[in-house]
């Protein structure tokens, strides 16, 4: 597989090394754009596909991955686009492991920048920084999804108080990411809060990275260490909830091995009912 960048003209492709135009961050499957099949001489048999991908931290993708027909994921990729591309007609459910494919893409086109963050357990002194990142991430990530007035009125002080209390209580477990002496992200996790969940089921309650540090692998390192901690504590599965319209967040979870589950729920955010979907992962030993 080869990674290309699409220039301003929709058919113009920059054929060059990844590091020529990528500073850092992984790539995720981008179902907002159509899959383009490649044919021999433009009219003959299909010989491959240009698969749309989006660079971590971007809201709109301008990259594609060339996948040849002989690639073991070629058939599944076509099936995924038939099922998930917005303009495609509805189709019956099919066996296609999207999380596996997305994770494979992320591994073949990894972050070009070495992750230089230190992860540790949060202390009450971290509450102000956690609150600031909580608010700034919401304001950046959910613009256009959550009402603007709600985003403007988010209170750092209210979240500082909330996370100070949570860290003091010890639930949920909170890890923070340090880079150059500054907290740049955090993750909260503990037992699953869903009604009827088993005692060995965990949940990632929330994860946020400072917008200035998006695309540097901070989120992936936080998630990796959180999952390791959950395994050490004996949990056998982990789930999380995410806004259905949070496409970048969903790509992040899918690339990390989470699979979309069937339950959904509606939450009220700033007076607007929004759908949340659940993702799950089995925790191997």
C-alpha atoms as a PDB file:
ATOM      1  CA  UNK A   1       0.000   0.000   0.000  1.00  0.00           C
ATOM      2  CA  UNK A   2       1.157   3.536  -0.784  1.00  0.00           C
ATOM      3  CA  UNK A   3       0.030   6.831   0.702  1.00  0.00           C
ATOM      4  CA  UNK A   4      -0.684   9.786  -1.614  1.00  0.00           C
ATOM      5  CA  UNK A   5      -1.851  13.338  -1.066  1.00  0.00           C
ATOM      6  CA  UNK A   6      -4.580  14.759  -3.296  1.00  0.00           C
ATOM      7  CA  UNK A   7      -3.728  18.289  -4.413  1.00  0.00           C
ATOM      8  CA  UNK A   8      -6.200  21.108  -5.082  1.00  0.00           C
ATOM      9  CA  UNK A   9      -7.345  19.570  -8.342  1.00  0.00           C
ATOM     10  CA  UNK A  10      -9.443  16.486  -7.423  1.00  0.00           C
ATOM     11  CA  UNK A  11      -7.522  14.207  -9.808  1.00  0.00           C
ATOM     12  CA  UNK A  12      -4.029  15.492  -9.097  1.00  0.00           C
ATOM     13  CA  UNK A  13      -2.041  13.260  -6.770  1.00  0.00           C
ATOM     14  CA  UNK A  14       1.315  14.004  -5.152  1.00  0.00           C
ATOM     15  CA  UNK A  15       3.398  10.842  -5.396  1.00  0.00           C
ATOM     16  CA  UNK A  16       6.055  11.264  -2.736  1.00  0.00           C
ATOM     17  CA  UNK A  17       7.137   9.940   0.614  1.00  0.00           C
ATOM     18  CA  UNK A  18       4.868  10.210   3.617  1.00  0.00           C
ATOM     19  CA  UNK A  19       7.324  12.384   5.521  1.00  0.00           C
ATOM     20  CA  UNK A  20       7.342  14.909   2.684  1.00  0.00           C
ATOM     21  CA  UNK A  21       3.947  16.287   3.646  1.00  0.00           C
ATOM     22  CA  UNK A  22       3.082  14.707   7.010  1.00  0.00           C
ATOM     23  CA  UNK A  23       4.382  16.211  10.236  1.00  0.00           C
ATOM     24  CA  UNK A  24       2.880  13.652  12.599  1.00  0.00           C
ATOM     25  CA  UNK A  25      -0.219  11.642  13.426  1.00  0.00           C
ATOM     26  CA  UNK A  26      -1.880   8.468  12.239  1.00  0.00           C
ATOM     27  CA  UNK A  27      -4.325   7.976   9.380  1.00  0.00           C
ATOM     28  CA  UNK A  28      -7.898   6.719   9.615  1.00  0.00           C
ATOM     29  CA  UNK A  29     -10.409   5.448   7.095  1.00  0.00           C
ATOM     30  CA  UNK A  30     -12.526   8.367   5.824  1.00  0.00           C
ATOM     31  CA  UNK A  31     -16.048   7.197   5.002  1.00  0.00           C
ATOM     32  CA  UNK A  32     -17.193  10.721   4.110  1.00  0.00           C
ATOM     33  CA  UNK A  33     -15.528  10.358   0.676  1.00  0.00           C
ATOM     34  CA  UNK A  34     -16.174   7.777  -2.033  1.00  0.00           C
ATOM     35  CA  UNK A  35     -13.949   4.818  -2.737  1.00  0.00           C
ATOM     36  CA  UNK A  36     -12.411   5.115  -6.218  1.00  0.00           C
ATOM     37  CA  UNK A  37     -11.692   1.875  -8.083  1.00  0.00           C
ATOM     38  CA  UNK A  38      -8.663   1.704 -10.364  1.00  0.00           C
ATOM     39  CA  UNK A  39      -9.036  -0.091 -13.674  1.00  0.00           C
ATOM     40  CA  UNK A  40      -6.489  -1.213 -16.219  1.00  0.00           C
ATOM     41  CA  UNK A  41      -6.263   1.562 -18.824  1.00  0.00           C
ATOM     42  CA  UNK A  42      -9.258   3.171 -17.172  1.00  0.00           C
ATOM     43  CA  UNK A  43     -11.791   0.743 -18.618  1.00  0.00           C
ATOM     44  CA  UNK A  44     -10.479  -2.772 -18.041  1.00  0.00           C
ATOM     45  CA  UNK A  45     -10.587  -5.033 -14.972  1.00  0.00           C
ATOM     46  CA  UNK A  46     -10.351  -3.523 -11.500  1.00  0.00           C
ATOM     47  CA  UNK A  47      -6.712  -3.628 -10.348  1.00  0.00           C
ATOM     48  CA  UNK A  48      -6.960  -1.702  -7.104  1.00  0.00           C
ATOM     49  CA  UNK A  49      -8.602   1.117  -5.221  1.00  0.00           C
ATOM     50  CA  UNK A  50      -7.819   4.578  -3.905  1.00  0.00           C
ATOM     51  CA  UNK A  51      -9.005   4.445  -0.298  1.00  0.00           C
ATOM     52  CA  UNK A  52      -9.814   7.834   1.319  1.00  0.00           C
ATOM     53  CA  UNK A  53      -8.047   8.397   4.632  1.00  0.00           C
ATOM     54  CA  UNK A  54      -7.919  11.369   6.969  1.00  0.00           C
ATOM     55  CA  UNK A  55      -4.923  12.529   8.955  1.00  0.00           C
ATOM     56  CA  UNK A  56      -5.378  12.598  12.720  1.00  0.00           C
ATOM     57  CA  UNK A  57      -6.559  16.019  13.888  1.00  0.00           C
ATOM     58  CA  UNK A  58      -8.049  16.974  10.508  1.00  0.00           C
ATOM     59  CA  UNK A  59     -11.792  17.331  10.024  1.00  0.00           C
ATOM     60  CA  UNK A  60     -11.510  16.828   6.270  1.00  0.00           C
ATOM     61  CA  UNK A  61      -9.231  14.363   4.546  1.00  0.00           C
ATOM     62  CA  UNK A  62      -6.997  15.068   1.550  1.00  0.00           C
ATOM     63  CA  UNK A  63      -5.062  11.794   1.495  1.00  0.00           C
ATOM     64  CA  UNK A  64      -5.641   8.448  -0.155  1.00  0.00           C
ATOM     65  CA  UNK A  65      -4.059   5.018   0.164  1.00  0.00           C
ATOM     66  CA  UNK A  66      -3.579   2.897  -2.925  1.00  0.00           C
ATOM     67  CA  UNK A  67      -4.654  -0.678  -2.193  1.00  0.00           C
ATOM     68  CA  UNK A  68      -3.978  -3.289  -4.860  1.00  0.00           C
ATOM     69  CA  UNK A  69      -6.502  -5.987  -5.653  1.00  0.00           C
ATOM     70  CA  UNK A  70      -4.219  -8.678  -4.251  1.00  0.00           C
ATOM     71  CA  UNK A  71      -4.201  -7.053  -0.800  1.00  0.00           C
ATOM     72  CA  UNK A  72      -6.025  -9.302   1.732  1.00  0.00           C
ATOM     73  CA  UNK A  73      -8.203  -6.359   2.817  1.00  0.00           C
ATOM     74  CA  UNK A  74      -9.282  -5.323  -0.679  1.00  0.00           C
ATOM     75  CA  UNK A  75     -12.653  -7.142  -0.647  1.00  0.00           C
ATOM     76  CA  UNK A  76     -13.480  -6.050   2.907  1.00  0.00           C
ATOM     77  CA  UNK A  77     -12.645  -2.441   2.097  1.00  0.00           C
ATOM     78  CA  UNK A  78     -15.071  -2.460  -0.832  1.00  0.00           C
ATOM     79  CA  UNK A  79     -17.734  -3.988   1.405  1.00  0.00           C
ATOM     80  CA  UNK A  80     -17.145  -1.401   4.120  1.00  0.00           C
ATOM     81  CA  UNK A  81     -17.659   1.458   1.664  1.00  0.00           C
ATOM     82  CA  UNK A  82     -20.786  -0.188   0.307  1.00  0.00           C
ATOM     83  CA  UNK A  83     -22.171  -0.248   3.847  1.00  0.00           C
ATOM     84  CA  UNK A  84     -20.904   3.021   5.303  1.00  0.00           C
ATOM     85  CA  UNK A  85     -20.343   5.569   2.560  1.00  0.00           C
ATOM     86  CA  UNK A  86     -23.137   8.183   2.998  1.00  0.00           C
ATOM     87  CA  UNK A  87     -24.143   8.217  -0.665  1.00  0.00           C
ATOM     88  CA  UNK A  88     -24.244   4.431  -1.022  1.00  0.00           C
ATOM     89  CA  UNK A  89     -27.612   2.625  -1.131  1.00  0.00           C
ATOM     90  CA  UNK A  90     -28.630   0.684   1.962  1.00  0.00           C
ATOM     91  CA  UNK A  91     -27.325  -2.853   2.071  1.00  0.00           C
ATOM     92  CA  UNK A  92     -27.817  -5.836   4.400  1.00  0.00           C
ATOM     93  CA  UNK A  93     -25.311  -6.445   7.157  1.00  0.00           C
ATOM     94  CA  UNK A  94     -22.132  -8.169   6.045  1.00  0.00           C
ATOM     95  CA  UNK A  95     -19.067  -9.614   7.707  1.00  0.00           C
ATOM     96  CA  UNK A  96     -16.404  -6.925   7.414  1.00  0.00           C
ATOM     97  CA  UNK A  97     -14.100  -6.176  10.341  1.00  0.00           C
ATOM     98  CA  UNK A  98     -13.754  -2.397  10.076  1.00  0.00           C
ATOM     99  CA  UNK A  99     -11.781  -1.979  13.290  1.00  0.00           C
ATOM    100  CA  UNK A 100      -9.188  -4.517  12.148  1.00  0.00           C
ATOM    101  CA  UNK A 101      -8.754  -2.823   8.793  1.00  0.00           C
ATOM    102  CA  UNK A 102      -8.532   0.644  10.349  1.00  0.00           C
ATOM    103  CA  UNK A 103      -5.980  -0.553  12.886  1.00  0.00           C
ATOM    104  CA  UNK A 104      -3.915  -2.102  10.100  1.00  0.00           C
ATOM    105  CA  UNK A 105      -3.913   1.195   8.196  1.00  0.00           C
ATOM    106  CA  UNK A 106      -2.784   3.029  11.318  1.00  0.00           C
ATOM    107  CA  UNK A 107       0.048   0.538  11.839  1.00  0.00           C
ATOM    108  CA  UNK A 108       1.260   0.781   8.246  1.00  0.00           C
ATOM    109  CA  UNK A 109       1.158   4.592   8.217  1.00  0.00           C
ATOM    110  CA  UNK A 110       2.150   5.420  11.805  1.00  0.00           C
ATOM    111  CA  UNK A 111       2.872   8.670  13.535  1.00  0.00           C
ATOM    112  CA  UNK A 112       5.979  10.216  11.989  1.00  0.00           C
ATOM    113  CA  UNK A 113       6.862  11.963  15.240  1.00  0.00           C
ATOM    114  CA  UNK A 114       8.263  10.158  18.267  1.00  0.00           C
ATOM    115  CA  UNK A 115       5.829  10.345  21.177  1.00  0.00           C
ATOM    116  CA  UNK A 116       7.706  12.061  23.999  1.00  0.00           C
ATOM    117  CA  UNK A 117       5.045  12.131  26.696  1.00  0.00           C
ATOM    118  CA  UNK A 118       5.177  10.815  30.237  1.00  0.00           C
ATOM    119  CA  UNK A 119       2.019   9.206  31.638  1.00  0.00           C
ATOM    120  CA  UNK A 120       1.292   9.193  35.362  1.00  0.00           C
ATOM    121  CA  UNK A 121      -1.608   9.026  37.805  1.00  0.00           C
ATOM    122  CA  UNK A 122      -3.328  12.367  38.326  1.00  0.00           C
ATOM    123  CA  UNK A 123      -3.120  14.276  41.603  1.00  0.00           C
ATOM    124  CA  UNK A 124      -5.455  16.955  42.946  1.00  0.00           C
ATOM    125  CA  UNK A 125      -2.918  19.574  41.850  1.00  0.00           C
ATOM    126  CA  UNK A 126      -3.638  18.540  38.240  1.00  0.00           C
ATOM    127  CA  UNK A 127      -7.334  19.435  38.462  1.00  0.00           C
ATOM    128  CA  UNK A 128      -6.968  22.998  37.007  1.00  0.00           C
ATOM    129  CA  UNK A 129      -5.035  21.753  33.933  1.00  0.00           C
ATOM    130  CA  UNK A 130      -7.466  18.854  33.458  1.00  0.00           C
ATOM    131  CA  UNK A 131     -10.371  21.313  33.569  1.00  0.00           C
ATOM    132  CA  UNK A 132      -8.769  23.671  31.037  1.00  0.00           C
ATOM    133  CA  UNK A 133      -8.159  20.823  28.580  1.00  0.00           C
ATOM    134  CA  UNK A 134     -11.682  19.504  29.178  1.00  0.00           C
ATOM    135  CA  UNK A 135     -13.194  22.834  28.129  1.00  0.00           C
ATOM    136  CA  UNK A 136     -10.812  23.694  25.264  1.00  0.00           C
ATOM    137  CA  UNK A 137     -11.188  20.232  23.725  1.00  0.00           C
ATOM    138  CA  UNK A 138     -14.973  20.443  23.836  1.00  0.00           C
ATOM    139  CA  UNK A 139     -14.944  23.896  22.278  1.00  0.00           C
ATOM    140  CA  UNK A 140     -12.711  22.743  19.435  1.00  0.00           C
ATOM    141  CA  UNK A 141     -13.932  19.199  18.786  1.00  0.00           C
ATOM    142  CA  UNK A 142     -17.683  19.799  19.077  1.00  0.00           C
ATOM    143  CA  UNK A 143     -17.975  23.048  17.146  1.00  0.00           C
ATOM    144  CA  UNK A 144     -20.879  22.592  14.745  1.00  0.00           C
ATOM    145  CA  UNK A 145     -22.159  19.571  16.679  1.00  0.00           C
ATOM    146  CA  UNK A 146     -23.016  21.122  20.047  1.00  0.00           C
ATOM    147  CA  UNK A 147     -24.826  24.508  20.251  1.00  0.00           C
ATOM    148  CA  UNK A 148     -22.337  27.402  20.175  1.00  0.00           C
ATOM    149  CA  UNK A 149     -23.884  29.053  23.216  1.00  0.00           C
ATOM    150  CA  UNK A 150     -23.354  25.898  25.272  1.00  0.00           C
ATOM    151  CA  UNK A 151     -19.693  25.744  24.228  1.00  0.00           C
ATOM    152  CA  UNK A 152     -19.133  29.412  25.081  1.00  0.00           C
ATOM    153  CA  UNK A 153     -20.646  28.919  28.539  1.00  0.00           C
ATOM    154  CA  UNK A 154     -18.543  25.908  29.536  1.00  0.00           C
ATOM    155  CA  UNK A 155     -17.017  26.608  32.946  1.00  0.00           C
ATOM    156  CA  UNK A 156     -13.406  25.722  33.690  1.00  0.00           C
ATOM    157  CA  UNK A 157     -14.017  26.334  37.403  1.00  0.00           C
ATOM    158  CA  UNK A 158     -16.959  23.914  37.513  1.00  0.00           C
ATOM    159  CA  UNK A 159     -14.854  21.196  35.905  1.00  0.00           C
ATOM    160  CA  UNK A 160     -11.897  21.950  38.171  1.00  0.00           C
ATOM    161  CA  UNK A 161     -14.142  21.369  41.187  1.00  0.00           C
ATOM    162  CA  UNK A 162     -15.606  18.196  39.652  1.00  0.00           C
ATOM    163  CA  UNK A 163     -12.232  16.645  38.825  1.00  0.00           C
ATOM    164  CA  UNK A 164     -10.726  17.697  42.140  1.00  0.00           C
ATOM    165  CA  UNK A 165     -13.496  15.740  43.865  1.00  0.00           C
ATOM    166  CA  UNK A 166     -13.138  12.730  41.549  1.00  0.00           C
ATOM    167  CA  UNK A 167      -9.362  12.517  41.989  1.00  0.00           C
ATOM    168  CA  UNK A 168      -9.764  12.833  45.759  1.00  0.00           C
ATOM    169  CA  UNK A 169     -12.337  10.025  45.745  1.00  0.00           C
ATOM    170  CA  UNK A 170     -10.190   7.848  43.478  1.00  0.00           C
ATOM    171  CA  UNK A 171     -12.982   7.096  41.029  1.00  0.00           C
ATOM    172  CA  UNK A 172     -12.692   7.196  38.116  1.00  0.00           C
ATOM    173  CA  UNK A 173      -8.993   6.458  37.702  1.00  0.00           C
ATOM    174  CA  UNK A 174      -7.356   9.429  35.956  1.00  0.00           C
ATOM    175  CA  UNK A 175      -4.055   9.381  34.080  1.00  0.00           C
ATOM    176  CA  UNK A 176      -2.422  12.547  32.744  1.00  0.00           C
ATOM    177  CA  UNK A 177       0.064  12.997  29.907  1.00  0.00           C
ATOM    178  CA  UNK A 178       3.054  15.306  30.459  1.00  0.00           C
ATOM    179  CA  UNK A 179       5.102  16.842  27.671  1.00  0.00           C
ATOM    180  CA  UNK A 180       7.918  19.289  28.446  1.00  0.00           C
ATOM    181  CA  UNK A 181       6.592  19.668  31.984  1.00  0.00           C
ATOM    182  CA  UNK A 182       3.065  20.555  30.865  1.00  0.00           C
ATOM    183  CA  UNK A 183      -0.127  18.453  31.039  1.00  0.00           C
ATOM    184  CA  UNK A 184      -1.330  17.971  27.458  1.00  0.00           C
ATOM    185  CA  UNK A 185      -4.018  15.304  27.883  1.00  0.00           C
ATOM    186  CA  UNK A 186      -5.785  12.944  30.248  1.00  0.00           C
ATOM    187  CA  UNK A 187      -7.988   9.866  30.370  1.00  0.00           C
ATOM    188  CA  UNK A 188     -10.539   8.697  32.953  1.00  0.00           C
ATOM    189  CA  UNK A 189     -11.634   5.056  33.286  1.00  0.00           C
ATOM    190  CA  UNK A 190     -13.102   2.610  35.798  1.00  0.00           C
ATOM    191  CA  UNK A 191     -15.838  -0.011  36.077  1.00  0.00           C
ATOM    192  CA  UNK A 192     -18.552   0.144  33.415  1.00  0.00           C
ATOM    193  CA  UNK A 193     -21.452   2.371  34.433  1.00  0.00           C
ATOM    194  CA  UNK A 194     -24.006   0.775  32.085  1.00  0.00           C
ATOM    195  CA  UNK A 195     -26.953  -0.838  33.829  1.00  0.00           C
ATOM    196  CA  UNK A 196     -26.601  -4.604  34.110  1.00  0.00           C
ATOM    197  CA  UNK A 197     -22.892  -4.667  33.226  1.00  0.00           C
ATOM    198  CA  UNK A 198     -20.729  -7.392  34.756  1.00  0.00           C
ATOM    199  CA  UNK A 199     -18.109  -6.724  37.414  1.00  0.00           C
ATOM    200  CA  UNK A 200     -15.278  -7.514  34.971  1.00  0.00           C
ATOM    201  CA  UNK A 201     -16.497  -4.935  32.425  1.00  0.00           C
ATOM    202  CA  UNK A 202     -14.656  -1.600  32.363  1.00  0.00           C
ATOM    203  CA  UNK A 203     -15.407   1.716  30.688  1.00  0.00           C
ATOM    204  CA  UNK A 204     -13.339   4.575  29.343  1.00  0.00           C
ATOM    205  CA  UNK A 205     -15.347   7.419  30.815  1.00  0.00           C
ATOM    206  CA  UNK A 206     -13.626  10.138  28.804  1.00  0.00           C
ATOM    207  CA  UNK A 207     -10.363  11.067  27.111  1.00  0.00           C
ATOM    208  CA  UNK A 208      -9.214  14.511  26.011  1.00  0.00           C
ATOM    209  CA  UNK A 209      -6.040  15.975  24.546  1.00  0.00           C
ATOM    210  CA  UNK A 210      -5.197  19.667  24.317  1.00  0.00           C
ATOM    211  CA  UNK A 211      -6.006  20.837  20.753  1.00  0.00           C
ATOM    212  CA  UNK A 212      -2.415  22.101  20.415  1.00  0.00           C
ATOM    213  CA  UNK A 213      -1.193  18.513  20.892  1.00  0.00           C
ATOM    214  CA  UNK A 214      -3.563  16.765  18.496  1.00  0.00           C
ATOM    215  CA  UNK A 215      -1.820  14.537  15.972  1.00  0.00           C
ATOM    216  CA  UNK A 216       1.201  13.802  18.177  1.00  0.00           C
ATOM    217  CA  UNK A 217       0.142  10.394  19.458  1.00  0.00           C
ATOM    218  CA  UNK A 218      -0.745  11.609  22.958  1.00  0.00           C
ATOM    219  CA  UNK A 219      -4.228  10.101  22.856  1.00  0.00           C
ATOM    220  CA  UNK A 220      -2.957   6.732  21.660  1.00  0.00           C
ATOM    221  CA  UNK A 221      -0.381   6.567  24.465  1.00  0.00           C
ATOM    222  CA  UNK A 222      -2.979   7.494  27.080  1.00  0.00           C
ATOM    223  CA  UNK A 223      -5.342   4.835  25.760  1.00  0.00           C
ATOM    224  CA  UNK A 224      -2.595   2.206  25.610  1.00  0.00           C
ATOM    225  CA  UNK A 225      -1.596   2.709  29.225  1.00  0.00           C
ATOM    226  CA  UNK A 226      -5.206   2.874  30.415  1.00  0.00           C
ATOM    227  CA  UNK A 227      -5.982  -0.460  28.730  1.00  0.00           C
ATOM    228  CA  UNK A 228      -2.850  -1.990  30.266  1.00  0.00           C
ATOM    229  CA  UNK A 229      -3.994  -0.828  33.704  1.00  0.00           C
ATOM    230  CA  UNK A 230      -7.452  -2.292  33.170  1.00  0.00           C
ATOM    231  CA  UNK A 231      -5.902  -5.645  32.249  1.00  0.00           C
ATOM    232  CA  UNK A 232      -3.781  -5.547  35.393  1.00  0.00           C
ATOM    233  CA  UNK A 233      -6.939  -4.982  37.439  1.00  0.00           C
ATOM    234  CA  UNK A 234      -8.589  -8.066  35.944  1.00  0.00           C
ATOM    235  CA  UNK A 235     -11.104  -6.506  33.577  1.00  0.00           C
ATOM    236  CA  UNK A 236     -11.931  -8.608  30.506  1.00  0.00           C
ATOM    237  CA  UNK A 237     -13.746  -6.011  28.380  1.00  0.00           C
ATOM    238  CA  UNK A 238     -13.965  -2.260  28.012  1.00  0.00           C
ATOM    239  CA  UNK A 239     -16.570  -0.006  26.435  1.00  0.00           C
ATOM    240  CA  UNK A 240     -17.079   3.706  25.840  1.00  0.00           C
ATOM    241  CA  UNK A 241     -19.735   6.116  24.603  1.00  0.00           C
ATOM    242  CA  UNK A 242     -19.143   8.775  21.961  1.00  0.00           C
ATOM    243  CA  UNK A 243     -21.380  11.249  20.139  1.00  0.00           C
ATOM    244  CA  UNK A 244     -22.483   9.691  16.857  1.00  0.00           C
ATOM    245  CA  UNK A 245     -21.515  12.878  15.006  1.00  0.00           C
ATOM    246  CA  UNK A 246     -18.010  12.912  16.471  1.00  0.00           C
ATOM    247  CA  UNK A 247     -16.402  11.380  13.389  1.00  0.00           C
ATOM    248  CA  UNK A 248     -12.794  12.093  14.392  1.00  0.00           C
ATOM    249  CA  UNK A 249     -13.343  10.509  17.794  1.00  0.00           C
ATOM    250  CA  UNK A 250     -14.951   7.444  16.244  1.00  0.00           C
ATOM    251  CA  UNK A 251     -12.058   7.037  13.812  1.00  0.00           C
ATOM    252  CA  UNK A 252      -9.652   7.215  16.747  1.00  0.00           C
ATOM    253  CA  UNK A 253     -11.456   4.457  18.650  1.00  0.00           C
ATOM    254  CA  UNK A 254     -11.870   2.254  15.591  1.00  0.00           C
ATOM    255  CA  UNK A 255      -8.183   2.561  14.736  1.00  0.00           C
ATOM    256  CA  UNK A 256      -7.350   1.484  18.285  1.00  0.00           C
ATOM    257  CA  UNK A 257      -9.296  -1.762  18.019  1.00  0.00           C
ATOM    258  CA  UNK A 258     -12.729  -0.778  19.376  1.00  0.00           C
ATOM    259  CA  UNK A 259     -15.776  -2.158  17.545  1.00  0.00           C
ATOM    260  CA  UNK A 260     -19.164  -0.484  17.192  1.00  0.00           C
ATOM    261  CA  UNK A 261     -21.794  -2.105  19.430  1.00  0.00           C
ATOM    262  CA  UNK A 262     -25.572  -2.096  18.955  1.00  0.00           C
ATOM    263  CA  UNK A 263     -26.793   0.074  21.882  1.00  0.00           C
ATOM    264  CA  UNK A 264     -27.411   3.777  21.386  1.00  0.00           C
ATOM    265  CA  UNK A 265     -28.721   6.456  23.712  1.00  0.00           C
ATOM    266  CA  UNK A 266     -29.795  10.076  23.533  1.00  0.00           C
ATOM    267  CA  UNK A 267     -28.193  12.735  25.712  1.00  0.00           C
ATOM    268  CA  UNK A 268     -29.167  16.358  26.206  1.00  0.00           C
ATOM    269  CA  UNK A 269     -26.333  18.771  25.431  1.00  0.00           C
ATOM    270  CA  UNK A 270     -27.200  22.442  25.718  1.00  0.00           C
ATOM    271  CA  UNK A 271     -30.885  21.675  25.171  1.00  0.00           C
ATOM    272  CA  UNK A 272     -30.169  19.690  21.996  1.00  0.00           C
ATOM    273  CA  UNK A 273     -30.837  15.920  21.960  1.00  0.00           C
ATOM    274  CA  UNK A 274     -27.794  14.132  20.540  1.00  0.00           C
ATOM    275  CA  UNK A 275     -27.280  10.448  19.837  1.00  0.00           C
ATOM    276  CA  UNK A 276     -24.411   8.540  21.416  1.00  0.00           C
ATOM    277  CA  UNK A 277     -23.114   5.196  20.183  1.00  0.00           C
ATOM    278  CA  UNK A 278     -21.174   2.587  22.131  1.00  0.00           C
ATOM    279  CA  UNK A 279     -17.876   0.936  21.243  1.00  0.00           C
ATOM    280  CA  UNK A 280     -16.464  -2.192  22.888  1.00  0.00           C
ATOM    281  CA  UNK A 281     -13.189  -4.097  23.026  1.00  0.00           C
ATOM    282  CA  UNK A 282     -12.269  -7.439  24.532  1.00  0.00           C
ATOM    283  CA  UNK A 283      -9.175  -7.230  26.725  1.00  0.00           C
ATOM    284  CA  UNK A 284      -6.820 -10.101  26.001  1.00  0.00           C
ATOM    285  CA  UNK A 285      -4.571 -11.306  28.778  1.00  0.00           C
END
